[in-house]
PDB file of N, CA and C in Angstrom:
ATOM      1  N   MET A   1    -178.824  15.149-101.900  1.00  0.00           N
ATOM      2  CA  MET A   1    -178.327  16.557-100.946  1.00  0.00           C
ATOM      3  C   MET A   1    -177.270  15.673-100.550  1.00  0.00           C
ATOM      4  N   ILE A   2    -176.081  16.478 -99.972  1.00  0.00           N
ATOM      5  CA  ILE A   2    -174.069  15.601 -99.901  1.00  0.00           C
ATOM      6  C   ILE A   2    -174.206  16.885 -98.882  1.00  0.00           C
ATOM      7  N   SER A   3    -173.654  15.951 -97.598  1.00  0.00           N
ATOM      8  CA  SER A   3    -173.245  15.813 -95.870  1.00  0.00           C
ATOM      9  C   SER A   3    -171.348  16.716 -96.322  1.00  0.00           C
ATOM     10  N   ARG A   4    -170.581  16.940 -95.690  1.00  0.00           N
ATOM     11  CA  ARG A   4    -169.640  16.483 -95.695  1.00  0.00           C
ATOM     12  C   ARG A   4    -169.276  16.351 -94.227  1.00  0.00           C
ATOM     13  N   ASP A   5    -170.039  16.479 -93.401  1.00  0.00           N
ATOM     14  CA  ASP A   5    -169.771  15.860 -92.163  1.00  0.00           C
ATOM     15  C   ASP A   5    -170.173  15.050 -91.124  1.00  0.00           C
ATOM     16  N   ASP A   6    -170.647  13.957 -92.197  1.00  0.00           N
ATOM     17  CA  ASP A   6    -171.053  12.867 -91.633  1.00  0.00           C
ATOM     18  C   ASP A   6    -172.357  12.929 -90.843  1.00  0.00           C
ATOM     19  N   CYS A   7    -173.392  13.538 -92.005  1.00  0.00           N
ATOM     20  CA  CYS A   7    -174.901  14.040 -91.632  1.00  0.00           C
ATOM     21  C   CYS A   7    -175.346  14.737 -90.671  1.00  0.00           C
ATOM     22  N   LYS A   8    -174.098  16.065 -90.059  1.00  0.00           N
ATOM     23  CA  LYS A   8    -174.988  16.891 -89.357  1.00  0.00           C
ATOM     24  C   LYS A   8    -175.171  17.659 -90.127  1.00  0.00           C
ATOM     25  N   THR A   9    -174.790  18.763 -91.096  1.00  0.00           N
ATOM     26  CA  THR A   9    -175.531  19.507 -92.197  1.00  0.00           C
ATOM     27  C   THR A   9    -175.349  18.732 -93.227  1.00  0.00           C
ATOM     28  N   TRP A  10    -176.323  19.291 -94.622  1.00  0.00           N
ATOM     29  CA  TRP A  10    -176.510  19.519 -95.940  1.00  0.00           C
ATOM     30  C   TRP A  10    -177.000  20.207 -96.497  1.00  0.00           C
ATOM     31  N   GLU A  11    -175.900  20.126 -97.865  1.00  0.00           N
ATOM     32  CA  GLU A  11    -175.801  21.313 -98.342  1.00  0.00           C
ATOM     33  C   GLU A  11    -176.190  20.673 -99.588  1.00  0.00           C
ATOM     34  N   GLY A  12    -177.316  21.557-100.915  1.00  0.00           N
ATOM     35  CA  GLY A  12    -177.410  21.337-102.271  1.00  0.00           C
ATOM     36  C   GLY A  12    -178.412  20.406-102.495  1.00  0.00           C
ATOM     37  N   PHE A  13    -178.742  20.425-104.018  1.00  0.00           N
ATOM     38  CA  PHE A  13    -180.281  19.337-103.443  1.00  0.00           C
ATOM     39  C   PHE A  13    -180.768  19.477-105.121  1.00  0.00           C
ATOM     40  N   LEU A  14    -180.899  18.033-105.320  1.00  0.00           N
ATOM     41  CA  LEU A  14    -180.429  17.612-107.319  1.00  0.00           C
ATOM     42  C   LEU A  14    -181.890  16.402-107.201  1.00  0.00           C
ATOM     43  N   LEU A  15    -182.796  17.044-107.946  1.00  0.00           N
ATOM     44  CA  LEU A  15    -183.985  16.500-107.848  1.00  0.00           C
ATOM     45  C   LEU A  15    -183.364  15.201-108.972  1.00  0.00           C
ATOM     46  N   LEU A  16    -183.704  14.489-108.448  1.00  0.00           N
ATOM     47  CA  LEU A  16    -183.213  13.192-110.695  1.00  0.00           C
ATOM     48  C   LEU A  16    -184.460  12.652-111.164  1.00  0.00           C
ATOM     49  N   ASP A  17    -185.818  12.705-110.428  1.00  0.00           N
ATOM     50  CA  ASP A  17    -186.804  12.478-111.194  1.00  0.00           C
ATOM     51  C   ASP A  17    -187.914  13.377-110.556  1.00  0.00           C
ATOM     52  N   CYS A  18    -188.740  13.871-111.276  1.00  0.00           N
ATOM     53  CA  CYS A  18    -189.527  14.542-110.649  1.00  0.00           C
ATOM     54  C   CYS A  18    -191.005  13.758-110.506  1.00  0.00           C
ATOM     55  N   ARG A  19    -191.087  12.586-111.879  1.00  0.00           N
ATOM     56  CA  ARG A  19    -192.304  11.933-111.370  1.00  0.00           C
ATOM     57  C   ARG A  19    -193.289  11.406-110.801  1.00  0.00           C
ATOM     58  N   ASP A  20    -193.935  10.844-110.113  1.00  0.00           N
ATOM     59  CA  ASP A  20    -194.247   9.970-109.165  1.00  0.00           C
ATOM     60  C   ASP A  20    -194.557   9.151-109.673  1.00  0.00           C
ATOM     61  N   SER A  21    -194.235   8.086-108.376  1.00  0.00           N
ATOM     62  CA  SER A  21    -193.747   6.448-108.345  1.00  0.00           C
ATOM     63  C   SER A  21    -192.569   6.467-108.556  1.00  0.00           C
ATOM     64  N   VAL A  22    -191.490   7.100-108.149  1.00  0.00           N
ATOM     65  CA  VAL A  22    -190.408   6.593-108.261  1.00  0.00           C
ATOM     66  C   VAL A  22    -189.779   6.229-106.912  1.00  0.00           C
ATOM     67  N   SER A  23    -188.685   5.501-106.968  1.00  0.00           N
ATOM     68  CA  SER A  23    -188.054   5.265-105.760  1.00  0.00           C
ATOM     69  C   SER A  23    -186.586   5.149-106.135  1.00  0.00           C
ATOM     70  N   TYR A  24    -185.962   5.556-104.725  1.00  0.00           N
ATOM     71  CA  TYR A  24    -184.342   5.111-105.522  1.00  0.00           C
ATOM     72  C   TYR A  24    -183.728   4.929-103.873  1.00  0.00           C
ATOM     73  N   PRO A  25    -183.643   3.170-104.412  1.00  0.00           N
ATOM     74  CA  PRO A  25    -182.908   2.733-103.367  1.00  0.00           C
ATOM     75  C   PRO A  25    -181.977   2.022-103.601  1.00  0.00           C
ATOM     76  N   ASP A  26    -180.876   2.369-104.428  1.00  0.00           N
ATOM     77  CA  ASP A  26    -179.200   2.267-104.312  1.00  0.00           C
ATOM     78  C   ASP A  26    -178.111   3.619-104.984  1.00  0.00           C
ATOM     79  N   ALA A  27    -177.525   3.861-104.812  1.00  0.00           N
ATOM     80  CA  ALA A  27    -176.265   5.078-105.346  1.00  0.00           C
ATOM     81  C   ALA A  27    -174.812   4.307-104.796  1.00  0.00           C
ATOM     82  N   ALA A  28    -174.045   4.933-105.787  1.00  0.00           N
ATOM     83  CA  ALA A  28    -172.937   4.360-105.380  1.00  0.00           C
ATOM     84  C   ALA A  28    -171.667   5.741-106.193  1.00  0.00           C
ATOM     85  N   CYS A  29    -170.568   6.538-105.257  1.00  0.00           N
ATOM     86  CA  CYS A  29    -170.190   6.685-106.066  1.00  0.00           C
ATOM     87  C   CYS A  29    -168.648   5.705-106.786  1.00  0.00           C
ATOM     88  N   ALA A  30    -168.619   6.853-107.724  1.00  0.00           N
ATOM     89  CA  ALA A  30    -166.924   5.806-108.850  1.00  0.00           C
ATOM     90  C   ALA A  30    -166.003   6.720-108.739  1.00  0.00           C
ATOM     91  N   ASP A  31    -165.010   6.054-109.381  1.00  0.00           N
ATOM     92  CA  ASP A  31    -163.373   6.352-109.660  1.00  0.00           C
ATOM     93  C   ASP A  31    -163.591   7.533-109.684  1.00  0.00           C
ATOM     94  N   ASN A  32    -164.407   7.452-111.093  1.00  0.00           N
ATOM     95  CA  ASN A  32    -164.255   8.383-112.076  1.00  0.00           C
ATOM     96  C   ASN A  32    -165.091  10.189-111.452  1.00  0.00           C
ATOM     97  N   GLY A  33    -165.076   9.872-110.312  1.00  0.00           N
ATOM     98  CA  GLY A  33    -166.735  10.927-109.924  1.00  0.00           C
ATOM     99  C   GLY A  33    -167.690  11.093-110.059  1.00  0.00           C
ATOM    100  N   PHE A  34    -168.540  10.666-110.629  1.00  0.00           N
ATOM    101  CA  PHE A  34    -169.627  10.150-111.153  1.00  0.00           C
ATOM    102  C   PHE A  34    -169.678   9.826-110.289  1.00  0.00           C
ATOM    103  N   ILE A  35    -171.202  10.305-109.748  1.00  0.00           N
ATOM    104  CA  ILE A  35    -172.363   9.565-108.972  1.00  0.00           C
ATOM    105  C   ILE A  35    -173.353   8.785-109.438  1.00  0.00           C
ATOM    106  N   TYR A  36    -173.413   7.179-109.384  1.00  0.00           N
ATOM    107  CA  TYR A  36    -174.671   6.411-109.457  1.00  0.00           C
ATOM    108  C   TYR A  36    -175.449   6.062-108.802  1.00  0.00           C
ATOM    109  N   ALA A  37    -176.488   6.230-109.541  1.00  0.00           N
ATOM    110  CA  ALA A  37    -177.991   6.223-108.737  1.00  0.00           C
ATOM    111  C   ALA A  37    -179.153   5.181-109.234  1.00  0.00           C
ATOM    112  N   ILE A  38    -179.269   3.731-109.562  1.00  0.00           N
ATOM    113  CA  ILE A  38    -180.644   3.151-110.114  1.00  0.00           C
ATOM    114  C   ILE A  38    -181.709   3.047-109.499  1.00  0.00           C
ATOM    115  N   TYR A  39    -182.819   3.194-109.962  1.00  0.00           N
ATOM    116  CA  TYR A  39    -184.583   3.330-109.482  1.00  0.00           C
ATOM    117  C   TYR A  39    -185.399   2.480-110.133  1.00  0.00           C
ATOM    118  N   ASP A  40    -186.843   2.525-109.392  1.00  0.00           N
ATOM    119  CA  ASP A  40    -187.617   2.479-110.046  1.00  0.00           C
ATOM    120  C   ASP A  40    -188.565   3.146-110.729  1.00  0.00           C
ATOM    121  N   ARG A  41    -189.314   3.001-112.116  1.00  0.00           N
ATOM    122  CA  ARG A  41    -190.729   3.766-111.477  1.00  0.00           C
ATOM    123  C   ARG A  41    -191.657   2.947-112.382  1.00  0.00           C
ATOM    124  N   GLU A  42    -192.665   3.090-110.939  1.00  0.00           N
ATOM    125  CA  GLU A  42    -193.325   2.616-111.774  1.00  0.00           C
ATOM    126  C   GLU A  42    -193.708   0.801-111.840  1.00  0.00           C
ATOM    127  N   ARG A  43    -193.340   0.590-109.908  1.00  0.00           N
ATOM    128  CA  ARG A  43    -193.487  -1.534-111.241  1.00  0.00           C
ATOM    129  C   ARG A  43    -194.282  -2.162-111.932  1.00  0.00           C
ATOM    130  N   TYR A  44    -195.420  -1.142-111.640  1.00  0.00           N
ATOM    131  CA  TYR A  44    -196.509  -2.530-112.044  1.00  0.00           C
ATOM    132  C   TYR A  44    -197.274  -0.992-113.393  1.00  0.00           C
ATOM    133  N   ASN A  45    -196.774  -0.748-113.754  1.00  0.00           N
ATOM    134  CA  ASN A  45    -197.154  -0.514-114.903  1.00  0.00           C
ATOM    135  C   ASN A  45    -196.656  -0.220-115.450  1.00  0.00           C
ATOM    136  N   ALA A  46    -195.529   0.950-115.895  1.00  0.00           N
ATOM    137  CA  ALA A  46    -194.355   1.320-116.901  1.00  0.00           C
ATOM    138  C   ALA A  46    -193.149   0.401-116.836  1.00  0.00           C
ATOM    139  N   ARG A  47    -192.980  -0.358-114.967  1.00  0.00           N
ATOM    140  CA  ARG A  47    -192.061  -1.089-114.672  1.00  0.00           C
ATOM    141  C   ARG A  47    -190.683  -0.697-115.601  1.00  0.00           C
ATOM    142  N   GLU A  48    -190.055   0.392-115.062  1.00  0.00           N
ATOM    143  CA  GLU A  48    -188.992   0.755-115.602  1.00  0.00           C
ATOM    144  C   GLU A  48    -187.918   0.837-114.741  1.00  0.00           C
ATOM    145  N   ILE A  49    -186.769   0.188-114.771  1.00  0.00           N
ATOM    146  CA  ILE A  49    -185.471   1.111-114.096  1.00  0.00           C
ATOM    147  C   ILE A  49    -184.138   2.170-114.794  1.00  0.00           C
ATOM    148  N   LEU A  50    -184.288   3.327-114.002  1.00  0.00           N
ATOM    149  CA  LEU A  50    -183.639   3.985-114.775  1.00  0.00           C
ATOM    150  C   LEU A  50    -182.405   4.409-114.015  1.00  0.00           C
ATOM    151  N   MET A  51    -181.154   4.789-114.404  1.00  0.00           N
ATOM    152  CA  MET A  51    -180.692   5.406-113.525  1.00  0.00           C
ATOM    153  C   MET A  51    -180.213   6.489-113.864  1.00  0.00           C
ATOM    154  N   ALA A  52    -179.312   7.803-113.150  1.00  0.00           N
ATOM    155  CA  ALA A  52    -179.259   9.076-113.051  1.00  0.00           C
ATOM    156  C   ALA A  52    -177.595   8.722-112.205  1.00  0.00           C
ATOM    157  N   LYS A  53    -176.859   9.180-113.144  1.00  0.00           N
ATOM    158  CA  LYS A  53    -175.232   9.730-113.312  1.00  0.00           C
ATOM    159  C   LYS A  53    -175.194  11.435-113.108  1.00  0.00           C
ATOM    160  N   PHE A  54    -174.085  11.758-112.352  1.00  0.00           N
ATOM    161  CA  PHE A  54    -174.324  13.128-111.454  1.00  0.00           C
ATOM    162  C   PHE A  54    -173.207  12.837-110.761  1.00  0.00           C
ATOM    163  N   THR A  55    -172.998  14.670-110.983  1.00  0.00           N
ATOM    164  CA  THR A  55    -171.331  15.021-110.131  1.00  0.00           C
ATOM    165  C   THR A  55    -171.825  16.080-108.173  1.00  0.00           C
ATOM    166  N   GLU A  56    -170.730  15.723-107.693  1.00  0.00           N
ATOM    167  CA  GLU A  56    -171.346  16.899-106.333  1.00  0.00           C
ATOM    168  C   GLU A  56    -171.621  17.878-107.201  1.00  0.00           C
ATOM    169  N   GLU A  57    -170.679  18.787-107.996  1.00  0.00           N
ATOM    170  CA  GLU A  57    -171.203  20.343-108.701  1.00  0.00           C
ATOM    171  C   GLU A  57    -172.841  19.842-109.079  1.00  0.00           C
ATOM    172  N   ASP A  58    -173.032  18.875-109.910  1.00  0.00           N
ATOM    173  CA  ASP A  58    -174.688  19.077-110.594  1.00  0.00           C
ATOM    174  C   ASP A  58    -175.430  19.506-108.916  1.00  0.00           C
ATOM    175  N   VAL A  59    -174.891  18.235-107.815  1.00  0.00           N
ATOM    176  CA  VAL A  59    -175.766  18.280-106.855  1.00  0.00           C
ATOM    177  C   VAL A  59    -175.827  19.863-105.969  1.00  0.00           C
ATOM    178  N   LEU A  60    -174.679  20.103-105.989  1.00  0.00           N
ATOM    179  CA  LEU A  60    -174.527  21.368-105.075  1.00  0.00           C
ATOM    180  C   LEU A  60    -175.122  22.729-106.347  1.00  0.00           C
ATOM    181  N   ALA A  61    -175.314  22.470-107.551  1.00  0.00           N
ATOM    182  CA  ALA A  61    -176.067  23.673-108.722  1.00  0.00           C
ATOM    183  C   ALA A  61    -177.521  23.198-108.793  1.00  0.00           C
ATOM    184  N   GLY A  62    -177.840  22.667-107.870  1.00  0.00           N
ATOM    185  CA  GLY A  62    -179.297  21.962-108.063  1.00  0.00           C
ATOM    186  C   GLY A  62    -179.834  22.041-108.833  1.00  0.00           C
ATOM    187  N   LYS A  63    -179.045  21.626-110.355  1.00  0.00           N
ATOM    188  CA  LYS A  63    -179.647  20.925-111.784  1.00  0.00           C
ATOM    189  C   LYS A  63    -178.032  20.570-112.367  1.00  0.00           C
ATOM    190  N   ILE A  64    -177.857  19.849-113.400  1.00  0.00           N
ATOM    191  CA  ILE A  64    -177.312  19.013-114.360  1.00  0.00           C
ATOM    192  C   ILE A  64    -175.938  20.549-115.186  1.00  0.00           C
ATOM    193  N   VAL A  65    -175.120  21.008-114.667  1.00  0.00           N
ATOM    194  CA  VAL A  65    -173.841  21.301-114.941  1.00  0.00           C
ATOM    195  C   VAL A  65    -172.322  20.936-115.819  1.00  0.00           C
ATOM    196  N   ASN A  66    -172.335  19.899-115.654  1.00  0.00           N
ATOM    197  CA  ASN A  66    -171.638  18.763-115.856  1.00  0.00           C
ATOM    198  C   ASN A  66    -171.809  17.993-117.732  1.00  0.00           C
ATOM    199  N   LYS A  67    -171.241  18.287-118.411  1.00  0.00           N
ATOM    200  CA  LYS A  67    -172.423  17.632-120.176  1.00  0.00           C
ATOM    201  C   LYS A  67    -171.887  16.199-120.325  1.00  0.00           C
ATOM    202  N   LYS A  68    -171.121  15.631-119.049  1.00  0.00           N
ATOM    203  CA  LYS A  68    -171.388  14.319-119.223  1.00  0.00           C
ATOM    204  C   LYS A  68    -172.586  13.468-117.929  1.00  0.00           C
ATOM    205  N   SER A  69    -172.911  14.782-117.028  1.00  0.00           N
ATOM    206  CA  SER A  69    -173.918  13.956-115.852  1.00  0.00           C
ATOM    207  C   SER A  69    -175.275  14.025-116.687  1.00  0.00           C
ATOM    208  N   GLN A  70    -176.319  12.558-117.022  1.00  0.00           N
ATOM    209  CA  GLN A  70    -177.461  11.972-117.007  1.00  0.00           C
ATOM    210  C   GLN A  70    -178.616  11.995-116.572  1.00  0.00           C
ATOM    211  N   LEU A  71    -179.768  12.193-116.131  1.00  0.00           N
ATOM    212  CA  LEU A  71    -180.939  12.205-116.025  1.00  0.00           C
ATOM    213  C   LEU A  71    -182.384  10.480-116.184  1.00  0.00           C
ATOM    214  N   LYS A  72    -182.792  10.301-115.647  1.00  0.00           N
ATOM    215  CA  LYS A  72    -183.824   9.579-116.482  1.00  0.00           C
ATOM    216  C   LYS A  72    -183.015   8.952-117.090  1.00  0.00           C
ATOM    217  N   VAL A  73    -182.388   7.428-117.427  1.00  0.00           N
ATOM    218  CA  VAL A  73    -181.753   7.084-118.111  1.00  0.00           C
ATOM    219  C   VAL A  73    -182.722   5.763-118.547  1.00  0.00           C
ATOM    220  N   ILE A  74    -182.747   5.493-118.980  1.00  0.00           N
ATOM    221  CA  ILE A  74    -183.361   3.899-118.371  1.00  0.00           C
ATOM    222  C   ILE A  74    -182.976   3.011-119.481  1.00  0.00           C
ATOM    223  N   VAL A  75    -182.696   1.317-118.299  1.00  0.00           N
ATOM    224  CA  VAL A  75    -181.526   0.562-117.901  1.00  0.00           C
ATOM    225  C   VAL A  75    -182.826  -0.244-118.782  1.00  0.00           C
ATOM    226  N   SER A  76    -183.543  -0.886-118.437  1.00  0.00           N
ATOM    227  CA  SER A  76    -184.518  -1.419-118.022  1.00  0.00           C
ATOM    228  C   SER A  76    -185.617  -1.059-118.531  1.00  0.00           C
ATOM    229  N   LYS A  77    -187.075  -1.602-119.220  1.00  0.00           N
ATOM    230  CA  LYS A  77    -188.326  -1.739-119.211  1.00  0.00           C
ATOM    231  C   LYS A  77    -189.128  -2.865-120.116  1.00  0.00           C
ATOM    232  N   LEU A  78    -189.886  -3.434-119.068  1.00  0.00           N
ATOM    233  CA  LEU A  78    -190.667  -4.613-119.575  1.00  0.00           C
ATOM    234  C   LEU A  78    -191.737  -4.417-120.149  1.00  0.00           C
ATOM    235  N   GLY A  79    -191.971  -5.472-120.489  1.00  0.00           N
ATOM    236  CA  GLY A  79    -193.165  -5.532-121.769  1.00  0.00           C
ATOM    237  C   GLY A  79    -193.379  -4.898-122.544  1.00  0.00           C
TER     238      GLY A  79
END
């Protein structure tokens, strides 16, 4: 979700990964207009580190609308 007023109100909603056992510990806004989120999935089974690359427009639309946005990109998989 996006807040434009210091977290008083929120708009939009983009679910980055609907699977069980995921966490979203870190996100950053880049100068190129994309938001990057890094998270893990199943630390003890799948042992994946994933990335999501998306825009505010994607969040407001509730789905990926930018053709360069990506969800569930595996960055690292142990084992």
